[in-house]
Amino acid sequence: MGFTLFIGRLLFASFFILSAYQLYTEFGTDGGPVVKILEPKLNVFTKLITLKAGIKVPEVDTKHVVVAMIVLQGFGGIGFIFGSYLGAILLALHQLIFTPVLYDFYNYDAEDTEFSLLFSKFTQNMALLGALLYFIGMKHSISLRKSRKTPKAKTN
């Protein structure tokens, strides 16, 4: 059973680790091609947050955002493989922060082909987030059960 759990975590985390590796190898001096894709999406998202929520989002260099993606995916994925609570939290944080920015289906009409593609990717990432939250919840409940158990005194 333990080996099966390890293989499952390894396969799940491989998605994040391979993505972080690809971002890292393409990074270069200019941040790589992901900066060109991410920058306009990040600008639209920050304007949307400012408009809808009234929160002024500070200016952030897109290269720093890509570095944050690499760190969260890389360290989170490696930690998750070994069953780390912190690794799962890092991956969940990555999903919460970057999924609405990368898959901005809300900026398109429902009839657009872009909408259906982005919405599909968005819901897939939300499913990954759900799996991470399930893992975090199970880790938390197991730790609570272990802390509640008190050894019974043996009577002879």
C-alpha atoms as a PDB file:
ATOM      1  CA  MET A   1       0.000   0.000   0.000  1.00  0.00           C
ATOM      2  CA  GLY A   2       2.792   2.436   0.877  1.00  0.00           C
ATOM      3  CA  PHE A   3       4.538   1.849  -2.438  1.00  0.00           C
ATOM      4  CA  THR A   4       1.292   2.465  -4.325  1.00  0.00           C
ATOM      5  CA  LEU A   5       0.786   5.752  -2.475  1.00  0.00           C
ATOM      6  CA  PHE A   6       4.342   6.803  -3.306  1.00  0.00           C
ATOM      7  CA  ILE A   7       3.887   5.994  -7.008  1.00  0.00           C
ATOM      8  CA  GLY A   8       0.599   7.938  -7.049  1.00  0.00           C
ATOM      9  CA  ARG A   9       2.231  10.976  -5.471  1.00  0.00           C
ATOM     10  CA  LEU A  10       5.173  10.645  -7.883  1.00  0.00           C
ATOM     11  CA  LEU A  11       2.897  10.575 -10.925  1.00  0.00           C
ATOM     12  CA  PHE A  12       0.789  13.466  -9.630  1.00  0.00           C
ATOM     13  CA  ALA A  13       3.817  15.618  -8.786  1.00  0.00           C
ATOM     14  CA  SER A  14       5.567  14.834 -12.068  1.00  0.00           C
ATOM     15  CA  PHE A  15       3.155  17.200 -13.808  1.00  0.00           C
ATOM     16  CA  PHE A  16       4.357  20.087 -11.638  1.00  0.00           C
ATOM     17  CA  ILE A  17       8.040  19.129 -11.557  1.00  0.00           C
ATOM     18  CA  LEU A  18       8.287  18.733 -15.341  1.00  0.00           C
ATOM     19  CA  SER A  19       6.507  22.044 -15.818  1.00  0.00           C
ATOM     20  CA  ALA A  20       8.927  23.757 -13.404  1.00  0.00           C
ATOM     21  CA  TYR A  21      11.884  22.157 -15.195  1.00  0.00           C
ATOM     22  CA  GLN A  22      10.642  23.379 -18.576  1.00  0.00           C
ATOM     23  CA  LEU A  23      10.146  26.912 -17.221  1.00  0.00           C
ATOM     24  CA  TYR A  24      13.627  26.817 -15.708  1.00  0.00           C
ATOM     25  CA  THR A  25      15.377  25.630 -18.877  1.00  0.00           C
ATOM     26  CA  GLU A  26      13.590  28.219 -21.032  1.00  0.00           C
ATOM     27  CA  PHE A  27      14.079  31.083 -18.553  1.00  0.00           C
ATOM     28  CA  GLY A  28      17.276  32.622 -19.988  1.00  0.00           C
ATOM     29  CA  THR A  29      17.971  36.321 -19.450  1.00  0.00           C
ATOM     30  CA  ASP A  30      14.588  37.599 -20.608  1.00  0.00           C
ATOM     31  CA  GLY A  31      12.428  35.146 -18.646  1.00  0.00           C
ATOM     32  CA  GLY A  32      11.664  32.901 -21.579  1.00  0.00           C
ATOM     33  CA  PRO A  33       8.604  32.647 -23.784  1.00  0.00           C
ATOM     34  CA  VAL A  34       6.256  32.304 -20.824  1.00  0.00           C
ATOM     35  CA  VAL A  35       6.907  35.956 -19.909  1.00  0.00           C
ATOM     36  CA  LYS A  36       5.538  37.061 -23.276  1.00  0.00           C
ATOM     37  CA  ILE A  37       2.403  34.991 -22.685  1.00  0.00           C
ATOM     38  CA  LEU A  38       2.013  35.790 -18.998  1.00  0.00           C
ATOM     39  CA  GLU A  39       2.615  39.559 -19.058  1.00  0.00           C
ATOM     40  CA  PRO A  40      -0.579  40.612 -20.900  1.00  0.00           C
ATOM     41  CA  LYS A  41      -2.653  38.111 -18.921  1.00  0.00           C
ATOM     42  CA  LEU A  42      -1.184  39.396 -15.651  1.00  0.00           C
ATOM     43  CA  ASN A  43      -1.916  43.000 -16.653  1.00  0.00           C
ATOM     44  CA  VAL A  44      -5.534  42.178 -17.519  1.00  0.00           C
ATOM     45  CA  PHE A  45      -5.945  40.222 -14.273  1.00  0.00           C
ATOM     46  CA  THR A  46      -4.531  43.030 -12.095  1.00  0.00           C
ATOM     47  CA  LYS A  47      -6.782  45.573 -13.834  1.00  0.00           C
ATOM     48  CA  LEU A  48      -9.770  43.279 -13.259  1.00  0.00           C
ATOM     49  CA  ILE A  49      -8.923  42.901  -9.549  1.00  0.00           C
ATOM     50  CA  THR A  50      -8.503  46.657  -9.215  1.00  0.00           C
ATOM     51  CA  LEU A  51     -11.776  47.338 -11.010  1.00  0.00           C
ATOM     52  CA  LYS A  52     -13.945  44.674  -9.339  1.00  0.00           C
ATOM     53  CA  ALA A  53     -12.465  44.492  -5.826  1.00  0.00           C
ATOM     54  CA  GLY A  54     -11.050  47.997  -5.544  1.00  0.00           C
ATOM     55  CA  ILE A  55      -7.694  46.593  -4.444  1.00  0.00           C
ATOM     56  CA  LYS A  56      -4.632  48.277  -5.932  1.00  0.00           C
ATOM     57  CA  VAL A  57      -2.281  45.492  -6.995  1.00  0.00           C
ATOM     58  CA  PRO A  58       1.381  46.585  -6.866  1.00  0.00           C
ATOM     59  CA  GLU A  59       3.527  46.417  -9.992  1.00  0.00           C
ATOM     60  CA  VAL A  60       5.399  43.138 -10.226  1.00  0.00           C
ATOM     61  CA  ASP A  61       8.086  42.185 -12.722  1.00  0.00           C
ATOM     62  CA  THR A  62       6.787  39.255 -14.756  1.00  0.00           C
ATOM     63  CA  LYS A  63      10.173  37.507 -14.518  1.00  0.00           C
ATOM     64  CA  HIS A  64       9.727  37.410 -10.725  1.00  0.00           C
ATOM     65  CA  VAL A  65       6.305  35.854 -11.210  1.00  0.00           C
ATOM     66  CA  VAL A  66       7.857  33.140 -13.382  1.00  0.00           C
ATOM     67  CA  VAL A  67      10.511  32.512 -10.723  1.00  0.00           C
ATOM     68  CA  ALA A  68       7.726  32.161  -8.147  1.00  0.00           C
ATOM     69  CA  MET A  69       6.011  29.638 -10.419  1.00  0.00           C
ATOM     70  CA  ILE A  70       9.224  27.623 -10.733  1.00  0.00           C
ATOM     71  CA  VAL A  71       9.846  27.645  -6.977  1.00  0.00           C
ATOM     72  CA  LEU A  72       6.283  26.718  -6.016  1.00  0.00           C
ATOM     73  CA  GLN A  73       6.047  23.942  -8.607  1.00  0.00           C
ATOM     74  CA  GLY A  74       9.550  22.568  -8.050  1.00  0.00           C
ATOM     75  CA  PHE A  75       9.746  22.550  -4.266  1.00  0.00           C
ATOM     76  CA  GLY A  76       6.066  21.760  -3.888  1.00  0.00           C
ATOM     77  CA  GLY A  77       6.298  18.820  -6.293  1.00  0.00           C
ATOM     78  CA  ILE A  78       9.385  17.359  -4.632  1.00  0.00           C
ATOM     79  CA  GLY A  79       7.840  17.776  -1.186  1.00  0.00           C
ATOM     80  CA  PHE A  80       4.594  16.215  -2.349  1.00  0.00           C
ATOM     81  CA  ILE A  81       6.389  13.126  -3.651  1.00  0.00           C
ATOM     82  CA  PHE A  82       7.614  12.425  -0.130  1.00  0.00           C
ATOM     83  CA  GLY A  83       4.200  13.057   1.402  1.00  0.00           C
ATOM     84  CA  SER A  84       4.986  16.502   2.774  1.00  0.00           C
ATOM     85  CA  TYR A  85       2.140  18.642   4.041  1.00  0.00           C
ATOM     86  CA  LEU A  86       4.143  21.756   3.084  1.00  0.00           C
ATOM     87  CA  GLY A  87       4.707  20.441  -0.453  1.00  0.00           C
ATOM     88  CA  ALA A  88       0.964  20.040  -0.944  1.00  0.00           C
ATOM     89  CA  ILE A  89       0.350  23.537   0.408  1.00  0.00           C
ATOM     90  CA  LEU A  90       2.930  25.006  -2.008  1.00  0.00           C
ATOM     91  CA  LEU A  91       1.267  23.261  -4.947  1.00  0.00           C
ATOM     92  CA  ALA A  92      -2.192  24.373  -3.794  1.00  0.00           C
ATOM     93  CA  LEU A  93      -0.892  27.934  -3.456  1.00  0.00           C
ATOM     94  CA  HIS A  94       0.464  27.729  -7.007  1.00  0.00           C
ATOM     95  CA  GLN A  95      -2.897  26.530  -8.282  1.00  0.00           C
ATOM     96  CA  LEU A  96      -4.821  29.237  -6.406  1.00  0.00           C
ATOM     97  CA  ILE A  97      -2.613  32.071  -7.598  1.00  0.00           C
ATOM     98  CA  PHE A  98      -1.793  31.170 -11.184  1.00  0.00           C
ATOM     99  CA  THR A  99      -4.813  29.266 -12.507  1.00  0.00           C
ATOM    100  CA  PRO A 100      -7.123  32.332 -12.709  1.00  0.00           C
ATOM    101  CA  VAL A 101      -4.332  34.332 -14.356  1.00  0.00           C
ATOM    102  CA  LEU A 102      -3.229  31.771 -16.949  1.00  0.00           C
ATOM    103  CA  TYR A 103      -6.655  30.463 -17.911  1.00  0.00           C
ATOM    104  CA  ASP A 104      -8.631  33.706 -18.149  1.00  0.00           C
ATOM    105  CA  PHE A 105     -11.780  32.314 -19.762  1.00  0.00           C
ATOM    106  CA  TYR A 106     -13.767  35.116 -18.108  1.00  0.00           C
ATOM    107  CA  ASN A 107     -12.289  37.602 -20.615  1.00  0.00           C
ATOM    108  CA  TYR A 108     -13.913  35.860 -23.596  1.00  0.00           C
ATOM    109  CA  ASP A 109     -17.439  35.365 -24.887  1.00  0.00           C
ATOM    110  CA  ALA A 110     -18.916  31.897 -24.438  1.00  0.00           C
ATOM    111  CA  GLU A 111     -19.124  31.458 -28.211  1.00  0.00           C
ATOM    112  CA  ASP A 112     -15.370  31.959 -28.741  1.00  0.00           C
ATOM    113  CA  THR A 113     -13.229  28.877 -29.280  1.00  0.00           C
ATOM    114  CA  GLU A 114     -10.691  30.387 -26.861  1.00  0.00           C
ATOM    115  CA  PHE A 115     -13.338  30.359 -24.136  1.00  0.00           C
ATOM    116  CA  SER A 116     -13.963  26.617 -24.275  1.00  0.00           C
ATOM    117  CA  LEU A 117     -10.249  25.787 -24.388  1.00  0.00           C
ATOM    118  CA  LEU A 118      -9.387  28.082 -21.469  1.00  0.00           C
ATOM    119  CA  PHE A 119     -12.421  26.971 -19.461  1.00  0.00           C
ATOM    120  CA  SER A 120     -11.468  23.327 -19.953  1.00  0.00           C
ATOM    121  CA  LYS A 121      -7.908  23.978 -18.744  1.00  0.00           C
ATOM    122  CA  PHE A 122      -9.245  26.047 -15.835  1.00  0.00           C
ATOM    123  CA  THR A 123     -11.532  23.243 -14.668  1.00  0.00           C
ATOM    124  CA  GLN A 124      -8.710  20.692 -14.997  1.00  0.00           C
ATOM    125  CA  ASN A 125      -6.511  22.828 -12.759  1.00  0.00           C
ATOM    126  CA  MET A 126      -9.355  23.229 -10.286  1.00  0.00           C
ATOM    127  CA  ALA A 127      -9.622  19.432 -10.191  1.00  0.00           C
ATOM    128  CA  LEU A 128      -5.901  19.280  -9.378  1.00  0.00           C
ATOM    129  CA  LEU A 129      -6.500  21.830  -6.635  1.00  0.00           C
ATOM    130  CA  GLY A 130      -9.317  19.659  -5.299  1.00  0.00           C
ATOM    131  CA  ALA A 131      -7.004  16.642  -5.160  1.00  0.00           C
ATOM    132  CA  LEU A 132      -4.417  18.712  -3.294  1.00  0.00           C
ATOM    133  CA  LEU A 133      -7.008  19.957  -0.817  1.00  0.00           C
ATOM    134  CA  TYR A 134      -8.148  16.370  -0.275  1.00  0.00           C
ATOM    135  CA  PHE A 135      -4.544  15.332   0.435  1.00  0.00           C
ATOM    136  CA  ILE A 136      -4.079  18.256   2.840  1.00  0.00           C
ATOM    137  CA  GLY A 137      -7.322  17.391   4.624  1.00  0.00           C
ATOM    138  CA  MET A 138      -6.368  13.728   4.945  1.00  0.00           C
ATOM    139  CA  LYS A 139      -2.912  14.620   6.314  1.00  0.00           C
ATOM    140  CA  HIS A 140      -4.532  16.963   8.809  1.00  0.00           C
ATOM    141  CA  SER A 141      -7.125  14.428   9.961  1.00  0.00           C
ATOM    142  CA  ILE A 142      -4.473  11.715  10.347  1.00  0.00           C
ATOM    143  CA  SER A 143      -2.313  14.020  12.450  1.00  0.00           C
ATOM    144  CA  LEU A 144      -5.334  14.898  14.607  1.00  0.00           C
ATOM    145  CA  ARG A 145      -6.134  11.226  15.143  1.00  0.00           C
ATOM    146  CA  LYS A 146      -2.556  10.480  16.141  1.00  0.00           C
ATOM    147  CA  SER A 147      -2.481  13.355  18.617  1.00  0.00           C
ATOM    148  CA  ARG A 148      -5.783  12.247  20.234  1.00  0.00           C
ATOM    149  CA  LYS A 149      -4.625   8.705  20.835  1.00  0.00           C
ATOM    150  CA  THR A 150      -3.274   8.245  24.303  1.00  0.00           C
ATOM    151  CA  PRO A 151      -1.651   4.995  25.247  1.00  0.00           C
ATOM    152  CA  LYS A 152      -3.650   2.943  27.733  1.00  0.00           C
ATOM    153  CA  ALA A 153      -1.953   2.029  30.946  1.00  0.00           C
ATOM    154  CA  LYS A 154      -1.274  -1.677  31.168  1.00  0.00           C
ATOM    155  CA  THR A 155      -2.572  -3.465  34.207  1.00  0.00           C
ATOM    156  CA  ASN A 156      -0.989  -6.650  35.313  1.00  0.00           C
END
